[in-house]
Amino acid sequence: MKVKRVYTGAEGESHFEEIDVDIEKLQPGDGIVFRHALPGDVNEWHVAPRRQYVINLSGQSEVEIGDGTKLRLGPGDIFLADDTTGRGHISRVVGTQPRVFVTIPLK
């Protein structure tokens, strides 16, 4: 399965890439957090607090990196937040619906 990943490059800026994730392989995690965000919510420049999968359950979000590239995520989309250093990224809720999502920290 293909998953979008944000990671920190050698220059300290975040980048997107698409990675393969083995859907039959158990990945060690460290719990799950259910989250809710309202339309218009913006989380300005920040790094991921830890390596974690982010799975949108409902609503739309957008992740922006330093060069202005934006990635739109909708219901069912899986994203690996892996930019735990550097400048980080911006996350925002777009559209008119609240965003419900889960984060799954990786060990």
N, C-alpha and C. Protein backbone atom coordinates (compact mmCIF):
# COMPACT_ATOMS: atom_id res chain seq x y z
N MET A 1 0.85 -1.16 0.00
CA MET A 1 0.00 0.00 0.00
C MET A 1 0.90 1.23 0.00
N LYS A 2 0.50 2.26 -0.73
CA LYS A 2 1.24 3.53 -0.80
C LYS A 2 0.73 4.48 0.28
N VAL A 3 1.65 5.14 0.97
CA VAL A 3 1.34 6.10 2.02
C VAL A 3 2.20 7.34 1.79
N LYS A 4 1.63 8.52 1.97
CA LYS A 4 2.41 9.76 1.90
C LYS A 4 3.17 9.94 3.21
N ARG A 5 4.40 10.41 3.10
CA ARG A 5 5.26 10.64 4.26
C ARG A 5 5.83 12.05 4.17
N VAL A 6 5.93 12.73 5.30
CA VAL A 6 6.66 13.99 5.39
C VAL A 6 7.88 13.70 6.25
N TYR A 7 9.05 14.13 5.79
CA TYR A 7 10.30 13.86 6.51
C TYR A 7 11.20 15.09 6.40
N THR A 8 12.21 15.15 7.26
CA THR A 8 13.16 16.25 7.27
C THR A 8 14.37 15.91 6.42
N GLY A 9 14.69 16.78 5.45
CA GLY A 9 15.88 16.61 4.63
C GLY A 9 17.12 17.12 5.35
N ALA A 10 18.28 16.89 4.75
CA ALA A 10 19.56 17.28 5.35
C ALA A 10 19.65 18.78 5.61
N GLU A 11 18.91 19.59 4.83
CA GLU A 11 18.97 21.05 4.97
C GLU A 11 18.00 21.57 6.02
N GLY A 12 17.25 20.66 6.70
CA GLY A 12 16.33 21.06 7.75
C GLY A 12 14.93 21.39 7.29
N GLU A 13 14.65 21.23 6.00
CA GLU A 13 13.31 21.48 5.47
C GLU A 13 12.56 20.16 5.31
N SER A 14 11.24 20.23 5.42
CA SER A 14 10.41 19.05 5.25
C SER A 14 10.14 18.79 3.78
N HIS A 15 9.97 17.52 3.44
CA HIS A 15 9.70 17.07 2.08
C HIS A 15 8.63 15.99 2.13
N PHE A 16 7.90 15.82 1.01
CA PHE A 16 6.94 14.74 0.86
C PHE A 16 7.56 13.64 0.01
N GLU A 17 7.15 12.41 0.30
CA GLU A 17 7.46 11.28 -0.57
C GLU A 17 6.36 10.24 -0.39
N GLU A 18 6.28 9.35 -1.34
CA GLU A 18 5.34 8.25 -1.24
C GLU A 18 6.13 7.00 -0.90
N ILE A 19 5.70 6.27 0.12
CA ILE A 19 6.41 5.06 0.53
C ILE A 19 5.47 3.86 0.47
N ASP A 20 6.05 2.69 0.39
CA ASP A 20 5.30 1.44 0.45
C ASP A 20 5.23 0.98 1.89
N VAL A 21 4.03 0.60 2.32
CA VAL A 21 3.83 0.05 3.65
C VAL A 21 3.25 -1.34 3.48
N ASP A 22 3.88 -2.32 4.11
CA ASP A 22 3.42 -3.71 4.04
C ASP A 22 2.16 -3.86 4.88
N ILE A 23 1.04 -4.13 4.24
CA ILE A 23 -0.23 -4.19 4.97
C ILE A 23 -0.37 -5.48 5.77
N GLU A 24 0.49 -6.44 5.57
CA GLU A 24 0.41 -7.70 6.31
C GLU A 24 1.38 -7.75 7.47
N LYS A 25 2.20 -6.72 7.64
CA LYS A 25 3.24 -6.71 8.67
C LYS A 25 2.79 -5.89 9.88
N LEU A 26 2.89 -6.49 11.06
CA LEU A 26 2.56 -5.79 12.29
C LEU A 26 3.64 -4.74 12.56
N GLN A 27 3.21 -3.52 12.82
CA GLN A 27 4.15 -2.45 13.15
C GLN A 27 3.95 -2.07 14.62
N PRO A 28 5.02 -2.04 15.40
CA PRO A 28 4.86 -1.71 16.81
C PRO A 28 4.45 -0.26 17.00
N GLY A 29 3.37 -0.07 17.76
CA GLY A 29 2.87 1.27 18.04
C GLY A 29 2.87 1.53 19.53
N ASP A 30 2.43 2.72 19.90
CA ASP A 30 2.44 3.12 21.30
C ASP A 30 1.12 3.80 21.64
N GLY A 31 0.00 3.14 21.36
CA GLY A 31 -1.31 3.69 21.67
C GLY A 31 -1.95 4.35 20.47
N ILE A 32 -3.07 4.98 20.72
CA ILE A 32 -3.81 5.68 19.68
C ILE A 32 -4.49 6.90 20.33
N VAL A 33 -4.52 8.00 19.60
CA VAL A 33 -5.16 9.22 20.09
C VAL A 33 -6.22 9.63 19.08
N PHE A 34 -7.46 9.81 19.53
CA PHE A 34 -8.52 10.32 18.68
C PHE A 34 -8.55 11.83 18.82
N ARG A 35 -8.64 12.53 17.67
CA ARG A 35 -8.58 13.99 17.69
C ARG A 35 -9.70 14.58 16.86
N HIS A 36 -10.03 15.82 17.14
CA HIS A 36 -11.11 16.53 16.47
C HIS A 36 -10.63 17.97 16.24
N ALA A 37 -10.86 18.50 15.06
CA ALA A 37 -10.48 19.88 14.75
C ALA A 37 -11.59 20.52 13.92
N LEU A 38 -11.84 21.78 14.18
CA LEU A 38 -12.92 22.50 13.50
C LEU A 38 -12.44 23.11 12.18
N PRO A 39 -13.38 23.35 11.26
CA PRO A 39 -13.01 24.01 10.00
C PRO A 39 -12.27 25.31 10.28
N GLY A 40 -11.21 25.55 9.54
CA GLY A 40 -10.42 26.76 9.71
C GLY A 40 -9.28 26.65 10.70
N ASP A 41 -9.26 25.57 11.51
CA ASP A 41 -8.15 25.40 12.45
C ASP A 41 -6.83 25.30 11.69
N VAL A 42 -5.81 26.00 12.20
CA VAL A 42 -4.48 25.97 11.60
C VAL A 42 -3.46 25.71 12.69
N ASN A 43 -2.58 24.76 12.46
CA ASN A 43 -1.45 24.49 13.34
C ASN A 43 -0.23 25.00 12.59
N GLU A 44 0.21 26.22 12.93
CA GLU A 44 1.32 26.87 12.21
C GLU A 44 2.58 26.01 12.28
N TRP A 45 3.67 26.50 11.75
CA TRP A 45 4.91 25.72 11.62
C TRP A 45 5.21 24.92 12.88
N HIS A 46 5.33 23.62 12.71
CA HIS A 46 5.63 22.72 13.81
C HIS A 46 6.24 21.44 13.27
N VAL A 47 6.98 20.76 14.09
CA VAL A 47 7.49 19.43 13.74
C VAL A 47 6.56 18.39 14.33
N ALA A 48 6.60 17.19 13.79
CA ALA A 48 5.84 16.09 14.38
C ALA A 48 6.39 15.83 15.79
N PRO A 49 5.53 15.62 16.77
CA PRO A 49 6.01 15.41 18.14
C PRO A 49 6.73 14.07 18.31
N ARG A 50 6.53 13.18 17.36
CA ARG A 50 7.13 11.84 17.33
C ARG A 50 6.78 11.24 15.98
N ARG A 51 7.43 10.16 15.60
CA ARG A 51 7.00 9.46 14.37
C ARG A 51 5.61 8.91 14.62
N GLN A 52 4.68 9.23 13.73
CA GLN A 52 3.32 8.76 13.94
C GLN A 52 2.55 8.70 12.63
N TYR A 53 1.66 7.70 12.57
CA TYR A 53 0.70 7.66 11.49
C TYR A 53 -0.45 8.57 11.86
N VAL A 54 -0.98 9.27 10.85
CA VAL A 54 -2.16 10.10 11.01
C VAL A 54 -3.18 9.58 10.00
N ILE A 55 -4.35 9.21 10.49
CA ILE A 55 -5.39 8.64 9.62
C ILE A 55 -6.63 9.51 9.73
N ASN A 56 -7.02 10.11 8.61
CA ASN A 56 -8.24 10.93 8.58
C ASN A 56 -9.46 10.02 8.57
N LEU A 57 -10.39 10.30 9.47
CA LEU A 57 -11.65 9.56 9.50
C LEU A 57 -12.75 10.33 8.79
N SER A 58 -12.77 11.66 8.99
CA SER A 58 -13.75 12.50 8.29
C SER A 58 -13.19 13.91 8.17
N GLY A 59 -13.74 14.67 7.25
CA GLY A 59 -13.26 16.02 7.00
C GLY A 59 -12.03 16.02 6.10
N GLN A 60 -11.53 17.21 5.84
CA GLN A 60 -10.38 17.39 4.95
C GLN A 60 -9.29 18.17 5.67
N SER A 61 -8.05 17.80 5.40
CA SER A 61 -6.93 18.57 5.94
C SER A 61 -5.92 18.81 4.84
N GLU A 62 -5.04 19.74 5.12
CA GLU A 62 -3.98 20.09 4.17
C GLU A 62 -2.69 20.24 4.97
N VAL A 63 -1.62 19.67 4.44
CA VAL A 63 -0.30 19.80 5.03
C VAL A 63 0.57 20.57 4.04
N GLU A 64 1.24 21.62 4.54
CA GLU A 64 2.08 22.46 3.68
C GLU A 64 3.52 22.41 4.18
N ILE A 65 4.46 22.28 3.24
CA ILE A 65 5.88 22.29 3.58
C ILE A 65 6.53 23.58 3.10
N GLY A 66 7.81 23.78 3.45
CA GLY A 66 8.51 25.04 3.25
C GLY A 66 8.53 25.58 1.84
N ASP A 67 8.52 24.73 0.82
CA ASP A 67 8.56 25.23 -0.55
C ASP A 67 7.18 25.59 -1.08
N GLY A 68 6.16 25.51 -0.21
CA GLY A 68 4.80 25.86 -0.61
C GLY A 68 3.97 24.69 -1.12
N THR A 69 4.57 23.50 -1.26
CA THR A 69 3.83 22.33 -1.71
C THR A 69 2.80 21.95 -0.65
N LYS A 70 1.58 21.63 -1.11
CA LYS A 70 0.50 21.27 -0.21
C LYS A 70 -0.01 19.87 -0.55
N LEU A 71 -0.33 19.13 0.48
CA LEU A 71 -0.88 17.78 0.33
C LEU A 71 -2.25 17.77 0.98
N ARG A 72 -3.28 17.40 0.21
CA ARG A 72 -4.66 17.34 0.72
C ARG A 72 -4.94 15.92 1.17
N LEU A 73 -5.53 15.79 2.36
CA LEU A 73 -5.88 14.49 2.93
C LEU A 73 -7.36 14.45 3.25
N GLY A 74 -8.02 13.38 2.83
CA GLY A 74 -9.45 13.22 3.08
C GLY A 74 -9.72 11.96 3.87
N PRO A 75 -11.00 11.61 4.03
CA PRO A 75 -11.37 10.42 4.78
C PRO A 75 -10.68 9.17 4.23
N GLY A 76 -10.07 8.42 5.13
CA GLY A 76 -9.39 7.18 4.75
C GLY A 76 -7.94 7.35 4.37
N ASP A 77 -7.47 8.58 4.18
CA ASP A 77 -6.07 8.79 3.82
C ASP A 77 -5.17 8.56 5.03
N ILE A 78 -4.02 7.96 4.77
CA ILE A 78 -3.03 7.65 5.80
C ILE A 78 -1.78 8.44 5.49
N PHE A 79 -1.21 9.04 6.52
CA PHE A 79 -0.06 9.93 6.38
C PHE A 79 0.94 9.58 7.47
N LEU A 80 2.21 9.49 7.12
CA LEU A 80 3.26 9.24 8.11
C LEU A 80 3.97 10.55 8.41
N ALA A 81 3.79 11.07 9.61
CA ALA A 81 4.46 12.30 10.05
C ALA A 81 5.81 11.89 10.64
N ASP A 82 6.88 12.25 9.93
CA ASP A 82 8.22 11.78 10.28
C ASP A 82 9.22 12.93 10.26
N ASP A 83 8.74 14.16 10.28
CA ASP A 83 9.64 15.33 10.30
C ASP A 83 9.73 15.86 11.73
N THR A 84 10.48 15.15 12.55
CA THR A 84 10.57 15.46 13.98
C THR A 84 11.65 16.50 14.31
N THR A 85 12.35 16.96 13.29
CA THR A 85 13.37 18.01 13.46
C THR A 85 13.19 19.03 12.34
N GLY A 86 13.95 20.11 12.40
CA GLY A 86 13.94 21.11 11.33
C GLY A 86 12.78 22.08 11.46
N ARG A 87 12.41 22.66 10.32
CA ARG A 87 11.36 23.69 10.27
C ARG A 87 9.96 23.11 10.47
N GLY A 88 9.74 21.92 9.97
CA GLY A 88 8.44 21.28 10.12
C GLY A 88 7.47 21.63 9.00
N HIS A 89 6.19 21.64 9.33
CA HIS A 89 5.13 21.82 8.36
C HIS A 89 3.96 22.56 9.00
N ILE A 90 3.01 22.98 8.17
CA ILE A 90 1.76 23.60 8.62
C ILE A 90 0.65 22.59 8.36
N SER A 91 -0.26 22.44 9.31
CA SER A 91 -1.45 21.61 9.12
C SER A 91 -2.68 22.49 9.27
N ARG A 92 -3.65 22.29 8.38
CA ARG A 92 -4.88 23.08 8.48
C ARG A 92 -6.09 22.23 8.10
N VAL A 93 -7.22 22.56 8.69
CA VAL A 93 -8.48 21.93 8.33
C VAL A 93 -9.09 22.78 7.22
N VAL A 94 -9.44 22.14 6.12
CA VAL A 94 -10.03 22.86 4.99
C VAL A 94 -11.45 22.34 4.75
N GLY A 95 -12.25 23.14 4.10
CA GLY A 95 -13.63 22.76 3.85
C GLY A 95 -14.54 23.20 4.99
N THR A 96 -15.76 22.71 4.97
CA THR A 96 -16.77 23.15 5.93
C THR A 96 -17.06 22.12 7.02
N GLN A 97 -16.46 20.96 6.92
CA GLN A 97 -16.72 19.90 7.88
C GLN A 97 -15.61 19.81 8.93
N PRO A 98 -15.95 19.47 10.17
CA PRO A 98 -14.91 19.21 11.17
C PRO A 98 -14.05 18.03 10.71
N ARG A 99 -12.83 18.01 11.16
CA ARG A 99 -11.91 16.90 10.86
C ARG A 99 -11.81 16.00 12.09
N VAL A 100 -12.05 14.72 11.89
CA VAL A 100 -11.84 13.72 12.93
C VAL A 100 -10.74 12.81 12.42
N PHE A 101 -9.71 12.60 13.27
CA PHE A 101 -8.58 11.79 12.84
C PHE A 101 -7.96 11.09 14.04
N VAL A 102 -7.14 10.11 13.75
CA VAL A 102 -6.41 9.41 14.80
C VAL A 102 -4.91 9.55 14.53
N THR A 103 -4.15 9.58 15.61
CA THR A 103 -2.70 9.51 15.50
C THR A 103 -2.26 8.24 16.21
N ILE A 104 -1.32 7.54 15.58
CA ILE A 104 -0.80 6.30 16.15
C ILE A 104 0.72 6.44 16.25
N PRO A 105 1.23 6.76 17.45
CA PRO A 105 2.68 6.87 17.61
C PRO A 105 3.37 5.54 17.34
N LEU A 106 4.52 5.61 16.68
CA LEU A 106 5.30 4.41 16.38
C LEU A 106 6.43 4.27 17.39
N LYS A 107 6.73 3.04 17.73
CA LYS A 107 7.87 2.79 18.64
C LYS A 107 9.15 2.80 17.87
